Amino acid sequence: MGGRYNLLGGRTNSYKLHGLTSHELDDNFDLEKIINSGYFLASYLSENPKSFLSAYVGEYLINEIISESAVRKLDSFQVFLESAAIRDGSKINYTSIARECNVDVKTMQGYYAILSDALFGYWLPPYARTANGRKPASDKFYFADVGVVNFLAKRGQLIESRSVDFSQAFENWVFHEVLTSL
């Protein structure tokens, strides 16, 4: 035998730990609270979720990316994170975001791939009917936690209303609920 192979057939199951859901919280579910604090247990239960989210973004998200040496220009990546958070749940236009972050389109695609690969966010491909031959719309990207989105986008307290920020946060929560029910 030339090489050694360890296919680890018994390790084929993969598990993902998602944030809190309305089903888990049951009678303790508060839409306004979860949209403001996010899906992490520590932030949901905290009197000051921004403090937890600041530590999470600074110590975990950014440091995880740095430790993996996935980003060469940290300042550009931090600008990207804010831009991506503001666009959470929107169709992705790489050219526009790349211009805003002063990087090329390939770098921008790489930044989104980093977030997706590290499970900091998820893609929602467009629903498209190919019978008409039209090119489908762009993918949407959702961060895995709306509290992180709020922190990165520098949103204040969101109160149930018809504001754009609340609507975007609500859409992220609906996506999270659907994703975790699959």
N, C-alpha and C. Protein backbone atom coordinates (compact mmCIF):
# COMPACT_ATOMS: atom_id res chain seq x y z
N MET A 1 0.83 -1.18 0.00
CA MET A 1 0.00 0.00 0.00
C MET A 1 0.87 1.25 0.00
N GLY A 2 0.59 2.13 -0.93
CA GLY A 2 1.40 3.33 -1.07
C GLY A 2 1.12 4.38 -0.01
N GLY A 3 -0.13 4.78 0.16
CA GLY A 3 -0.46 5.84 1.10
C GLY A 3 -1.32 5.34 2.23
N ARG A 4 -1.45 6.14 3.23
CA ARG A 4 -2.30 5.78 4.36
C ARG A 4 -3.57 6.61 4.25
N TYR A 5 -4.68 5.94 4.39
CA TYR A 5 -5.97 6.62 4.28
C TYR A 5 -6.78 6.37 5.53
N ASN A 6 -7.40 7.39 6.00
CA ASN A 6 -8.29 7.28 7.14
C ASN A 6 -9.56 8.02 6.76
N LEU A 7 -10.51 7.30 6.24
CA LEU A 7 -11.73 7.92 5.73
C LEU A 7 -12.71 8.29 6.83
N LEU A 8 -12.52 7.80 8.03
CA LEU A 8 -13.34 8.15 9.17
C LEU A 8 -14.84 8.04 8.86
N GLY A 9 -15.22 6.91 8.33
CA GLY A 9 -16.62 6.68 7.95
C GLY A 9 -17.60 6.87 9.10
N GLY A 10 -17.18 6.65 10.31
CA GLY A 10 -18.07 6.80 11.46
C GLY A 10 -18.27 8.24 11.87
N ARG A 11 -17.58 9.16 11.24
CA ARG A 11 -17.69 10.58 11.61
C ARG A 11 -18.37 11.39 10.52
N THR A 12 -19.38 10.84 9.93
CA THR A 12 -20.03 11.52 8.81
C THR A 12 -21.12 12.49 9.25
N ASN A 13 -21.57 12.43 10.48
CA ASN A 13 -22.60 13.36 10.93
C ASN A 13 -21.99 14.72 11.24
N SER A 14 -22.72 15.74 10.86
CA SER A 14 -22.28 17.11 11.12
C SER A 14 -23.38 17.83 11.86
N TYR A 15 -23.01 18.56 12.88
CA TYR A 15 -24.00 19.28 13.68
C TYR A 15 -23.65 20.76 13.70
N LYS A 16 -24.68 21.59 13.67
CA LYS A 16 -24.49 23.03 13.78
C LYS A 16 -25.33 23.50 14.97
N LEU A 17 -24.72 24.33 15.78
CA LEU A 17 -25.43 24.89 16.92
C LEU A 17 -25.90 26.28 16.54
N HIS A 18 -27.20 26.41 16.35
CA HIS A 18 -27.78 27.70 16.00
C HIS A 18 -28.18 28.44 17.27
N GLY A 19 -28.53 29.70 17.12
CA GLY A 19 -28.98 30.51 18.24
C GLY A 19 -30.38 30.13 18.68
N LEU A 20 -30.83 30.82 19.70
CA LEU A 20 -32.16 30.59 20.27
C LEU A 20 -33.26 30.75 19.23
N THR A 21 -34.32 29.99 19.40
CA THR A 21 -35.49 30.10 18.53
C THR A 21 -36.72 30.41 19.37
N SER A 22 -37.75 30.85 18.72
CA SER A 22 -39.00 31.14 19.43
C SER A 22 -39.56 29.88 20.07
N HIS A 23 -39.38 28.75 19.41
CA HIS A 23 -39.86 27.47 19.96
C HIS A 23 -39.15 27.13 21.27
N GLU A 24 -37.84 27.34 21.31
CA GLU A 24 -37.08 27.06 22.52
C GLU A 24 -37.45 28.00 23.66
N LEU A 25 -37.68 29.25 23.34
CA LEU A 25 -38.00 30.23 24.37
C LEU A 25 -39.45 30.11 24.84
N ASP A 26 -40.31 29.58 23.98
CA ASP A 26 -41.71 29.33 24.31
C ASP A 26 -42.38 30.56 24.94
N ASP A 27 -42.79 30.47 26.20
CA ASP A 27 -43.49 31.58 26.87
C ASP A 27 -42.57 32.76 27.16
N ASN A 28 -41.26 32.55 27.15
CA ASN A 28 -40.30 33.62 27.41
C ASN A 28 -39.90 34.38 26.15
N PHE A 29 -40.52 34.01 25.03
CA PHE A 29 -40.16 34.67 23.76
C PHE A 29 -40.69 36.10 23.73
N ASP A 30 -39.80 37.02 23.36
CA ASP A 30 -40.13 38.44 23.23
C ASP A 30 -39.51 38.92 21.92
N LEU A 31 -40.34 39.16 20.91
CA LEU A 31 -39.86 39.53 19.58
C LEU A 31 -38.96 40.75 19.62
N GLU A 32 -39.38 41.79 20.29
CA GLU A 32 -38.59 43.01 20.33
C GLU A 32 -37.23 42.77 21.00
N LYS A 33 -37.23 41.95 22.05
CA LYS A 33 -35.98 41.66 22.75
C LYS A 33 -35.03 40.84 21.87
N ILE A 34 -35.54 39.82 21.21
CA ILE A 34 -34.65 38.98 20.40
C ILE A 34 -34.14 39.73 19.18
N ILE A 35 -34.94 40.62 18.64
CA ILE A 35 -34.49 41.41 17.48
C ILE A 35 -33.41 42.41 17.90
N ASN A 36 -33.45 42.87 19.13
CA ASN A 36 -32.43 43.80 19.61
C ASN A 36 -31.20 43.12 20.17
N SER A 37 -31.37 42.01 20.87
CA SER A 37 -30.24 41.37 21.54
C SER A 37 -29.61 40.25 20.73
N GLY A 38 -30.38 39.61 19.86
CA GLY A 38 -29.84 38.53 19.05
C GLY A 38 -30.20 37.17 19.59
N TYR A 39 -29.63 36.14 18.99
CA TYR A 39 -30.01 34.76 19.25
C TYR A 39 -29.09 34.03 20.21
N PHE A 40 -28.00 34.65 20.63
CA PHE A 40 -27.11 34.03 21.61
C PHE A 40 -27.79 34.07 22.98
N LEU A 41 -27.70 32.98 23.71
CA LEU A 41 -28.30 32.93 25.04
C LEU A 41 -27.73 34.03 25.93
N ALA A 42 -26.41 34.22 25.89
CA ALA A 42 -25.77 35.22 26.75
C ALA A 42 -26.26 36.63 26.44
N SER A 43 -26.48 36.94 25.19
CA SER A 43 -26.94 38.30 24.86
C SER A 43 -28.44 38.44 25.13
N TYR A 44 -29.21 37.38 24.90
CA TYR A 44 -30.65 37.45 25.14
C TYR A 44 -30.96 37.64 26.62
N LEU A 45 -30.20 36.99 27.48
CA LEU A 45 -30.44 37.07 28.92
C LEU A 45 -29.78 38.29 29.57
N SER A 46 -28.89 38.94 28.85
CA SER A 46 -28.12 40.05 29.41
C SER A 46 -28.96 41.33 29.52
N GLU A 47 -28.66 42.08 30.56
CA GLU A 47 -29.24 43.43 30.70
C GLU A 47 -28.56 44.39 29.73
N ASN A 48 -27.34 44.04 29.33
CA ASN A 48 -26.58 44.87 28.41
C ASN A 48 -26.03 44.01 27.27
N PRO A 49 -26.89 43.63 26.30
CA PRO A 49 -26.42 42.74 25.22
C PRO A 49 -25.32 43.37 24.36
N LYS A 50 -25.26 44.69 24.26
CA LYS A 50 -24.23 45.34 23.45
C LYS A 50 -22.84 45.02 23.97
N SER A 51 -22.70 44.89 25.29
CA SER A 51 -21.41 44.56 25.88
C SER A 51 -20.97 43.16 25.44
N PHE A 52 -21.88 42.19 25.50
CA PHE A 52 -21.57 40.84 25.04
C PHE A 52 -21.24 40.85 23.56
N LEU A 53 -22.05 41.54 22.76
CA LEU A 53 -21.85 41.56 21.31
C LEU A 53 -20.54 42.24 20.93
N SER A 54 -20.16 43.27 21.66
CA SER A 54 -18.89 43.94 21.42
C SER A 54 -17.74 42.96 21.65
N ALA A 55 -17.81 42.22 22.73
CA ALA A 55 -16.77 41.22 23.02
C ALA A 55 -16.77 40.12 21.97
N TYR A 56 -17.94 39.67 21.56
CA TYR A 56 -18.05 38.61 20.56
C TYR A 56 -17.44 39.05 19.24
N VAL A 57 -17.81 40.24 18.78
CA VAL A 57 -17.29 40.74 17.51
C VAL A 57 -15.79 40.98 17.60
N GLY A 58 -15.35 41.64 18.67
CA GLY A 58 -13.94 41.98 18.81
C GLY A 58 -13.05 40.81 19.13
N GLU A 59 -13.48 39.97 20.03
CA GLU A 59 -12.63 38.90 20.49
C GLU A 59 -12.80 37.61 19.71
N TYR A 60 -13.97 37.36 19.22
CA TYR A 60 -14.17 36.08 18.54
C TYR A 60 -14.19 36.24 17.03
N LEU A 61 -15.12 36.99 16.52
CA LEU A 61 -15.26 37.09 15.06
C LEU A 61 -13.99 37.62 14.42
N ILE A 62 -13.52 38.78 14.87
CA ILE A 62 -12.32 39.39 14.27
C ILE A 62 -11.09 38.52 14.53
N ASN A 63 -10.89 38.09 15.78
CA ASN A 63 -9.70 37.30 16.10
C ASN A 63 -9.71 35.94 15.42
N GLU A 64 -10.88 35.35 15.24
CA GLU A 64 -10.97 34.08 14.51
C GLU A 64 -10.50 34.26 13.07
N ILE A 65 -10.92 35.33 12.48
CA ILE A 65 -10.52 35.63 11.10
C ILE A 65 -9.01 35.88 11.04
N ILE A 66 -8.48 36.65 11.99
CA ILE A 66 -7.04 36.95 12.02
C ILE A 66 -6.24 35.67 12.24
N SER A 67 -6.67 34.85 13.20
CA SER A 67 -5.90 33.64 13.52
C SER A 67 -5.85 32.65 12.37
N GLU A 68 -6.86 32.68 11.55
CA GLU A 68 -6.86 31.81 10.37
C GLU A 68 -6.08 32.44 9.21
N SER A 69 -5.56 33.63 9.43
CA SER A 69 -4.81 34.39 8.41
C SER A 69 -5.62 34.50 7.12
N ALA A 70 -6.92 34.65 7.29
CA ALA A 70 -7.80 34.70 6.13
C ALA A 70 -7.88 36.09 5.52
N VAL A 71 -7.47 37.10 6.26
CA VAL A 71 -7.60 38.48 5.79
C VAL A 71 -6.24 39.16 5.89
N ARG A 72 -5.85 39.82 4.82
CA ARG A 72 -4.57 40.53 4.81
C ARG A 72 -4.71 41.95 5.32
N LYS A 73 -5.82 42.59 4.98
CA LYS A 73 -6.04 43.98 5.40
C LYS A 73 -7.20 44.01 6.39
N LEU A 74 -6.88 44.06 7.67
CA LEU A 74 -7.91 44.03 8.70
C LEU A 74 -8.82 45.25 8.63
N ASP A 75 -8.25 46.42 8.33
CA ASP A 75 -9.07 47.63 8.28
C ASP A 75 -10.12 47.54 7.17
N SER A 76 -9.77 46.98 6.02
CA SER A 76 -10.73 46.80 4.93
C SER A 76 -11.80 45.78 5.32
N PHE A 77 -11.39 44.75 6.04
CA PHE A 77 -12.35 43.73 6.47
C PHE A 77 -13.33 44.31 7.48
N GLN A 78 -12.86 45.17 8.36
CA GLN A 78 -13.76 45.79 9.33
C GLN A 78 -14.77 46.71 8.64
N VAL A 79 -14.34 47.44 7.63
CA VAL A 79 -15.27 48.26 6.84
C VAL A 79 -16.27 47.36 6.13
N PHE A 80 -15.77 46.23 5.60
CA PHE A 80 -16.65 45.26 4.96
C PHE A 80 -17.72 44.75 5.93
N LEU A 81 -17.32 44.40 7.16
CA LEU A 81 -18.29 43.88 8.13
C LEU A 81 -19.44 44.85 8.36
N GLU A 82 -19.12 46.13 8.50
CA GLU A 82 -20.18 47.13 8.68
C GLU A 82 -21.06 47.22 7.44
N SER A 83 -20.45 47.25 6.27
CA SER A 83 -21.22 47.31 5.02
C SER A 83 -22.10 46.09 4.84
N ALA A 84 -21.55 44.92 5.14
CA ALA A 84 -22.32 43.69 5.00
C ALA A 84 -23.47 43.66 6.00
N ALA A 85 -23.24 44.16 7.20
CA ALA A 85 -24.30 44.19 8.21
C ALA A 85 -25.43 45.12 7.78
N ILE A 86 -25.08 46.26 7.24
CA ILE A 86 -26.10 47.20 6.77
C ILE A 86 -26.94 46.58 5.66
N ARG A 87 -26.31 45.71 4.86
CA ARG A 87 -27.00 45.06 3.74
C ARG A 87 -27.53 43.68 4.09
N ASP A 88 -27.53 43.30 5.35
CA ASP A 88 -27.99 41.98 5.78
C ASP A 88 -29.36 41.67 5.18
N GLY A 89 -29.46 40.55 4.50
CA GLY A 89 -30.72 40.14 3.89
C GLY A 89 -31.03 40.79 2.55
N SER A 90 -30.12 41.59 2.04
CA SER A 90 -30.32 42.25 0.74
C SER A 90 -29.59 41.47 -0.35
N LYS A 91 -29.98 41.71 -1.58
CA LYS A 91 -29.27 41.11 -2.70
C LYS A 91 -27.85 41.66 -2.73
N ILE A 92 -26.90 40.78 -2.96
CA ILE A 92 -25.49 41.17 -2.91
C ILE A 92 -25.03 41.72 -4.25
N ASN A 93 -24.48 42.93 -4.20
CA ASN A 93 -23.86 43.55 -5.36
C ASN A 93 -22.38 43.73 -5.00
N TYR A 94 -21.56 42.76 -5.39
CA TYR A 94 -20.15 42.76 -5.01
C TYR A 94 -19.43 44.03 -5.46
N THR A 95 -19.73 44.50 -6.65
CA THR A 95 -19.04 45.67 -7.18
C THR A 95 -19.27 46.89 -6.31
N SER A 96 -20.51 47.11 -5.92
CA SER A 96 -20.85 48.26 -5.09
C SER A 96 -20.18 48.19 -3.72
N ILE A 97 -20.22 47.03 -3.10
CA ILE A 97 -19.64 46.88 -1.77
C ILE A 97 -18.11 46.96 -1.86
N ALA A 98 -17.52 46.37 -2.90
CA ALA A 98 -16.07 46.43 -3.08
C ALA A 98 -15.61 47.88 -3.23
N ARG A 99 -16.36 48.66 -3.99
CA ARG A 99 -16.02 50.07 -4.18
C ARG A 99 -16.07 50.81 -2.83
N GLU A 100 -17.11 50.53 -2.07
CA GLU A 100 -17.28 51.17 -0.76
C GLU A 100 -16.14 50.81 0.20
N CYS A 101 -15.66 49.58 0.12
CA CYS A 101 -14.61 49.09 1.02
C CYS A 101 -13.21 49.29 0.46
N ASN A 102 -13.13 49.81 -0.76
CA ASN A 102 -11.86 50.07 -1.42
C ASN A 102 -11.01 48.80 -1.61
N VAL A 103 -11.69 47.74 -2.06
CA VAL A 103 -11.02 46.48 -2.39
C VAL A 103 -11.56 46.01 -3.74
N ASP A 104 -10.93 45.00 -4.32
CA ASP A 104 -11.43 44.48 -5.59
C ASP A 104 -12.57 43.49 -5.34
N VAL A 105 -13.27 43.15 -6.40
CA VAL A 105 -14.45 42.28 -6.30
C VAL A 105 -14.07 40.89 -5.81
N LYS A 106 -12.95 40.35 -6.26
CA LYS A 106 -12.52 39.02 -5.79
C LYS A 106 -12.29 39.01 -4.28
N THR A 107 -11.70 40.08 -3.77
CA THR A 107 -11.50 40.19 -2.32
C THR A 107 -12.84 40.21 -1.61
N MET A 108 -13.79 40.95 -2.15
CA MET A 108 -15.12 41.04 -1.55
C MET A 108 -15.79 39.67 -1.53
N GLN A 109 -15.69 38.95 -2.62
CA GLN A 109 -16.25 37.59 -2.67
C GLN A 109 -15.57 36.69 -1.63
N GLY A 110 -14.27 36.89 -1.48
CA GLY A 110 -13.53 36.14 -0.47
C GLY A 110 -13.98 36.46 0.94
N TYR A 111 -14.27 37.73 1.22
CA TYR A 111 -14.75 38.12 2.55
C TYR A 111 -16.07 37.42 2.87
N TYR A 112 -16.98 37.42 1.91
CA TYR A 112 -18.26 36.73 2.14
C TYR A 112 -18.04 35.22 2.32
N ALA A 113 -17.12 34.66 1.56
CA ALA A 113 -16.82 33.23 1.69
C ALA A 113 -16.28 32.91 3.09
N ILE A 114 -15.46 33.80 3.62
CA ILE A 114 -14.92 33.62 4.97
C ILE A 114 -16.06 33.58 5.98
N LEU A 115 -16.97 34.53 5.90
CA LEU A 115 -18.10 34.56 6.83
C LEU A 115 -18.95 33.29 6.71
N SER A 116 -19.20 32.88 5.50
CA SER A 116 -20.01 31.69 5.27
C SER A 116 -19.31 30.43 5.75
N ASP A 117 -18.03 30.28 5.42
CA ASP A 117 -17.26 29.10 5.82
C ASP A 117 -17.15 28.98 7.33
N ALA A 118 -17.05 30.12 8.02
CA ALA A 118 -16.92 30.13 9.48
C ALA A 118 -18.29 30.10 10.17
N LEU A 119 -19.35 29.96 9.39
CA LEU A 119 -20.74 29.90 9.89
C LEU A 119 -21.17 31.18 10.61
N PHE A 120 -20.59 32.31 10.22
CA PHE A 120 -21.03 33.60 10.74
C PHE A 120 -22.22 34.12 9.94
N GLY A 121 -22.54 33.45 8.84
CA GLY A 121 -23.67 33.85 8.02
C GLY A 121 -24.01 32.77 7.01
N TYR A 122 -25.15 32.96 6.37
CA TYR A 122 -25.68 31.95 5.45
C TYR A 122 -26.21 32.62 4.18
N TRP A 123 -26.11 31.88 3.09
CA TRP A 123 -26.59 32.33 1.79
C TRP A 123 -28.02 31.86 1.56
N LEU A 124 -28.78 32.70 0.91
CA LEU A 124 -30.11 32.34 0.44
C LEU A 124 -30.10 32.56 -1.07
N PRO A 125 -30.04 31.47 -1.83
CA PRO A 125 -30.04 31.65 -3.29
C PRO A 125 -31.41 32.11 -3.76
N PRO A 126 -31.46 32.78 -4.90
CA PRO A 126 -32.75 33.25 -5.40
C PRO A 126 -33.60 32.10 -5.90
N TYR A 127 -34.88 32.26 -5.76
CA TYR A 127 -35.79 31.31 -6.38
C TYR A 127 -35.91 31.75 -7.82
N ALA A 128 -35.62 30.86 -8.72
CA ALA A 128 -35.66 31.24 -10.14
C ALA A 128 -36.29 30.13 -10.96
N ARG A 129 -37.10 30.54 -11.87
CA ARG A 129 -37.64 29.62 -12.86
C ARG A 129 -36.78 29.75 -14.11
N THR A 130 -36.24 28.67 -14.53
CA THR A 130 -35.34 28.73 -15.68
C THR A 130 -36.08 28.60 -17.00
N ALA A 131 -37.38 28.37 -17.00
CA ALA A 131 -38.15 28.20 -18.23
C ALA A 131 -38.12 29.44 -19.10
N ASN A 132 -38.06 30.63 -18.47
CA ASN A 132 -38.07 31.86 -19.27
C ASN A 132 -36.67 32.26 -19.73
N GLY A 133 -35.65 31.54 -19.27
CA GLY A 133 -34.29 31.79 -19.73
C GLY A 133 -33.63 33.01 -19.12
N ARG A 134 -34.30 33.69 -18.20
CA ARG A 134 -33.71 34.89 -17.60
C ARG A 134 -32.73 34.51 -16.50
N LYS A 135 -31.71 35.32 -16.37
CA LYS A 135 -30.72 35.10 -15.33
C LYS A 135 -31.38 35.37 -13.96
N PRO A 136 -31.17 34.45 -12.99
CA PRO A 136 -31.78 34.67 -11.68
C PRO A 136 -31.17 35.87 -10.96
N ALA A 137 -31.91 36.40 -10.02
CA ALA A 137 -31.44 37.53 -9.22
C ALA A 137 -30.26 37.09 -8.36
N SER A 138 -29.64 38.05 -7.71
CA SER A 138 -28.48 37.77 -6.86
C SER A 138 -28.88 37.02 -5.59
N ASP A 139 -27.89 36.34 -5.01
CA ASP A 139 -28.08 35.70 -3.71
C ASP A 139 -28.25 36.77 -2.64
N LYS A 140 -28.86 36.36 -1.53
CA LYS A 140 -28.91 37.21 -0.35
C LYS A 140 -28.02 36.57 0.70
N PHE A 141 -27.45 37.40 1.57
CA PHE A 141 -26.62 36.90 2.66
C PHE A 141 -27.21 37.37 3.98
N TYR A 142 -27.36 36.42 4.91
CA TYR A 142 -27.89 36.73 6.24
C TYR A 142 -26.84 36.36 7.28
N PHE A 143 -26.54 37.28 8.17
CA PHE A 143 -25.69 36.96 9.31
C PHE A 143 -26.42 35.96 10.19
N ALA A 144 -25.66 35.14 10.91
CA ALA A 144 -26.24 34.10 11.75
C ALA A 144 -26.89 34.66 13.01
N ASP A 145 -26.60 35.92 13.36
CA ASP A 145 -27.18 36.51 14.56
C ASP A 145 -27.53 37.97 14.31
N VAL A 146 -28.77 38.32 14.54
CA VAL A 146 -29.24 39.68 14.29
C VAL A 146 -28.63 40.68 15.29
N GLY A 147 -28.27 40.22 16.48
CA GLY A 147 -27.59 41.10 17.43
C GLY A 147 -26.24 41.55 16.89
N VAL A 148 -25.52 40.64 16.24
CA VAL A 148 -24.25 40.99 15.62
C VAL A 148 -24.48 42.00 14.50
N VAL A 149 -25.53 41.80 13.73
CA VAL A 149 -25.87 42.75 12.66
C VAL A 149 -26.11 44.12 13.25
N ASN A 150 -26.94 44.18 14.29
CA ASN A 150 -27.25 45.47 14.92
C ASN A 150 -25.98 46.16 15.44
N PHE A 151 -25.09 45.37 16.05
CA PHE A 151 -23.86 45.94 16.59
C PHE A 151 -22.97 46.46 15.46
N LEU A 152 -22.75 45.65 14.43
CA LEU A 152 -21.88 46.05 13.32
C LEU A 152 -22.45 47.23 12.54
N ALA A 153 -23.77 47.27 12.37
CA ALA A 153 -24.42 48.34 11.61
C ALA A 153 -24.65 49.59 12.47
N LYS A 154 -24.25 49.51 13.74
CA LYS A 154 -24.38 50.63 14.68
C LYS A 154 -25.83 51.10 14.82
N ARG A 155 -26.72 50.12 14.88
CA ARG A 155 -28.14 50.44 15.07
C ARG A 155 -28.39 50.72 16.54
N GLY A 156 -29.31 51.59 16.80
CA GLY A 156 -29.75 51.82 18.17
C GLY A 156 -30.82 50.81 18.53
N GLN A 157 -31.55 51.10 19.57
CA GLN A 157 -32.65 50.24 20.01
C GLN A 157 -33.72 50.20 18.93
N LEU A 158 -34.09 49.01 18.51
CA LEU A 158 -35.13 48.86 17.49
C LEU A 158 -36.46 48.60 18.19
N ILE A 159 -37.43 49.42 17.88
CA ILE A 159 -38.75 49.27 18.47
C ILE A 159 -39.70 48.85 17.36
N GLU A 160 -40.57 47.88 17.67
CA GLU A 160 -41.47 47.35 16.65
C GLU A 160 -42.17 48.52 15.95
N SER A 161 -41.91 48.63 14.69
CA SER A 161 -42.47 49.72 13.90
C SER A 161 -42.33 49.38 12.43
N ARG A 162 -42.51 50.35 11.63
CA ARG A 162 -42.36 50.14 10.19
C ARG A 162 -41.02 50.68 9.69
N SER A 163 -40.04 50.83 10.57
CA SER A 163 -38.73 51.34 10.16
C SER A 163 -38.01 50.29 9.31
N VAL A 164 -37.12 50.76 8.47
CA VAL A 164 -36.34 49.88 7.60
C VAL A 164 -35.46 48.97 8.45
N ASP A 165 -34.80 49.53 9.47
CA ASP A 165 -33.91 48.72 10.32
C ASP A 165 -34.68 47.61 11.02
N PHE A 166 -35.85 47.93 11.57
CA PHE A 166 -36.64 46.90 12.24
C PHE A 166 -37.07 45.83 11.23
N SER A 167 -37.48 46.27 10.05
CA SER A 167 -37.92 45.31 9.02
C SER A 167 -36.79 44.38 8.61
N GLN A 168 -35.57 44.93 8.46
CA GLN A 168 -34.42 44.09 8.10
C GLN A 168 -34.10 43.11 9.23
N ALA A 169 -34.15 43.58 10.46
CA ALA A 169 -33.89 42.71 11.61
C ALA A 169 -34.96 41.62 11.70
N PHE A 170 -36.20 41.99 11.45
CA PHE A 170 -37.29 41.02 11.48
C PHE A 170 -37.10 39.96 10.40
N GLU A 171 -36.67 40.38 9.22
CA GLU A 171 -36.41 39.43 8.12
C GLU A 171 -35.29 38.47 8.50
N ASN A 172 -34.24 38.97 9.15
CA ASN A 172 -33.16 38.11 9.60
C ASN A 172 -33.70 37.07 10.59
N TRP A 173 -34.57 37.51 11.51
CA TRP A 173 -35.15 36.60 12.49
C TRP A 173 -36.00 35.53 11.80
N VAL A 174 -36.82 35.92 10.83
CA VAL A 174 -37.64 34.94 10.10
C VAL A 174 -36.74 33.92 9.39
N PHE A 175 -35.68 34.41 8.74
CA PHE A 175 -34.73 33.52 8.07
C PHE A 175 -34.12 32.55 9.09
N HIS A 176 -33.75 33.06 10.24
CA HIS A 176 -33.16 32.24 11.31
C HIS A 176 -34.16 31.16 11.76
N GLU A 177 -35.40 31.53 11.94
CA GLU A 177 -36.43 30.57 12.37
C GLU A 177 -36.61 29.46 11.33
N VAL A 178 -36.65 29.84 10.06
CA VAL A 178 -36.82 28.86 9.00
C VAL A 178 -35.58 27.96 8.91
N LEU A 179 -34.40 28.57 8.93
CA LEU A 179 -33.14 27.81 8.84
C LEU A 179 -33.03 26.79 9.98
N THR A 180 -33.39 27.18 11.17
CA THR A 180 -33.25 26.26 12.30
C THR A 180 -34.33 25.20 12.35
N SER A 181 -35.39 25.37 11.58
CA SER A 181 -36.45 24.36 11.57
C SER A 181 -36.21 23.29 10.51
N LEU A 182 -35.20 23.47 9.67
CA LEU A 182 -34.92 22.50 8.61
C LEU A 182 -34.24 21.26 9.14
